[in-house]
């Protein structure tokens, strides 16, 4: 049986293509894959969090800066910290001012409550 299947494998892979290699994140937060962290990445990650844009698997893995398997407000804050070179509080204030629809303070409070309940 094996010899019958094995002899057909080249045809099978020609038909469906070779299996893809596992994706490796080169720069966390660089969701447009241009090699730099900038405001474009911030806007795109905010879109992911607001569910106005659905990330691909590669974008999701790259946007998950905290590497906890979820995209949340902390991931955006970490990108803002890197891009504008500020503290956590400075990043929060910048997001509140520039992206009020993100409701940063509410999301942080919800995140804080979920952390307390899981301990």
Protein backbone atom coordinates (compact mmCIF):
# COMPACT_ATOMS: atom_id res chain seq x y z
CA UNK A 1 0.00 0.00 0.00
CA UNK A 2 2.79 2.43 0.93
CA UNK A 3 4.47 2.04 -2.46
CA UNK A 4 1.25 2.97 -4.24
CA UNK A 5 0.80 6.15 -2.19
CA UNK A 6 4.48 7.08 -2.12
CA UNK A 7 4.77 6.98 -5.90
CA UNK A 8 1.91 9.48 -6.17
CA UNK A 9 3.25 12.03 -3.66
CA UNK A 10 5.11 14.15 -6.24
CA UNK A 11 1.88 14.55 -8.19
CA UNK A 12 -0.02 15.41 -5.00
CA UNK A 13 2.44 18.15 -3.97
CA UNK A 14 2.57 19.52 -7.51
CA UNK A 15 -1.21 19.82 -7.31
CA UNK A 16 -1.57 21.44 -3.87
CA UNK A 17 1.86 23.00 -3.51
CA UNK A 18 4.55 22.30 -1.00
CA UNK A 19 3.72 22.73 2.69
CA UNK A 20 4.58 26.23 3.89
CA UNK A 21 7.27 26.83 6.46
CA UNK A 22 6.21 28.06 9.88
CA UNK A 23 5.95 31.84 10.07
CA UNK A 24 8.61 33.55 12.18
CA UNK A 25 8.05 37.09 13.45
CA UNK A 26 10.95 39.34 12.52
CA UNK A 27 9.78 42.54 14.24
CA UNK A 28 6.88 42.45 16.68
CA UNK A 29 4.40 45.21 15.95
CA UNK A 30 5.42 45.62 12.30
CA UNK A 31 2.08 44.41 10.96
CA UNK A 32 2.57 45.89 7.48
CA UNK A 33 5.94 44.09 7.23
CA UNK A 34 7.91 47.10 5.98
CA UNK A 35 10.76 46.57 8.47
CA UNK A 36 9.97 49.55 10.73
CA UNK A 37 7.58 50.38 13.54
CA UNK A 38 5.56 53.49 12.80
CA UNK A 39 2.12 55.08 13.06
CA UNK A 40 0.83 52.92 10.19
CA UNK A 41 1.39 49.85 12.37
CA UNK A 42 -0.38 51.52 15.29
CA UNK A 43 -3.42 52.34 13.15
CA UNK A 44 -3.58 48.81 11.77
CA UNK A 45 -3.36 47.17 15.21
CA UNK A 46 -6.08 49.51 16.47
CA UNK A 47 -8.20 48.31 13.56
CA UNK A 48 -7.62 44.72 14.69
CA UNK A 49 -8.68 45.55 18.25
CA UNK A 50 -11.76 47.49 17.12
CA UNK A 51 -12.64 44.63 14.76
CA UNK A 52 -12.76 46.94 11.75
CA UNK A 53 -9.95 44.90 10.16
CA UNK A 54 -9.51 41.14 10.49
CA UNK A 55 -5.82 40.21 10.77
CA UNK A 56 -4.24 37.38 8.86
CA UNK A 57 -2.53 34.75 10.98
CA UNK A 58 0.84 36.38 10.30
CA UNK A 59 -0.48 39.84 11.19
CA UNK A 60 -2.01 38.49 14.39
CA UNK A 61 1.24 36.84 15.47
CA UNK A 62 3.19 40.00 14.66
CA UNK A 63 0.72 42.30 16.43
CA UNK A 64 0.73 40.19 19.61
CA UNK A 65 3.73 41.98 21.07
CA UNK A 66 3.09 40.67 24.57
CA UNK A 67 3.06 37.15 23.05
CA UNK A 68 0.14 36.08 25.24
CA UNK A 69 -2.00 34.76 22.38
CA UNK A 70 -4.46 37.67 22.41
CA UNK A 71 -4.59 41.11 20.84
CA UNK A 72 -5.59 43.72 23.33
CA UNK A 73 -4.93 47.25 24.47
CA UNK A 74 -1.55 46.31 25.95
CA UNK A 75 -0.22 45.36 22.52
CA UNK A 76 -1.19 48.78 21.11
CA UNK A 77 0.32 50.58 24.09
CA UNK A 78 3.59 48.70 23.66
CA UNK A 79 3.80 49.69 19.98
CA UNK A 80 3.05 53.34 20.82
CA UNK A 81 5.78 53.27 23.47
CA UNK A 82 8.29 52.11 20.86
CA UNK A 83 7.15 54.41 18.05
CA UNK A 84 6.95 57.68 19.98
CA UNK A 85 9.49 56.77 22.66
CA UNK A 86 7.40 57.39 25.73
CA UNK A 87 6.37 55.77 28.99
CA UNK A 88 3.36 53.54 29.49
CA UNK A 89 1.32 56.50 30.80
CA UNK A 90 2.53 58.70 27.92
CA UNK A 91 1.40 56.06 25.42
CA UNK A 92 -2.00 55.82 27.11
CA UNK A 93 -2.44 59.60 27.00
CA UNK A 94 -1.36 59.71 23.34
CA UNK A 95 -3.91 57.03 22.44
CA UNK A 96 -6.68 58.78 24.40
CA UNK A 97 -5.99 62.01 22.55
CA UNK A 98 -5.52 60.56 19.07
CA UNK A 99 -7.86 57.54 19.10
CA UNK A 100 -10.77 58.24 21.48
CA UNK A 101 -12.84 55.50 19.78
CA UNK A 102 -10.41 52.96 21.27
CA UNK A 103 -11.67 53.76 24.79
CA UNK A 104 -8.26 53.03 26.26
CA UNK A 105 -9.13 53.59 29.92
CA UNK A 106 -12.21 51.34 29.75
CA UNK A 107 -10.22 48.59 28.05
CA UNK A 108 -7.46 48.85 30.65
CA UNK A 109 -10.00 48.60 33.49
CA UNK A 110 -11.61 45.54 31.87
CA UNK A 111 -8.21 43.96 31.43
CA UNK A 112 -7.31 44.69 35.05
CA UNK A 113 -10.55 43.07 36.26
CA UNK A 114 -9.99 39.96 34.15
CA UNK A 115 -6.46 39.59 35.54
CA UNK A 116 -7.73 39.80 39.14
CA UNK A 117 -10.43 37.19 38.51
CA UNK A 118 -8.05 34.69 36.93
CA UNK A 119 -5.58 34.62 39.81
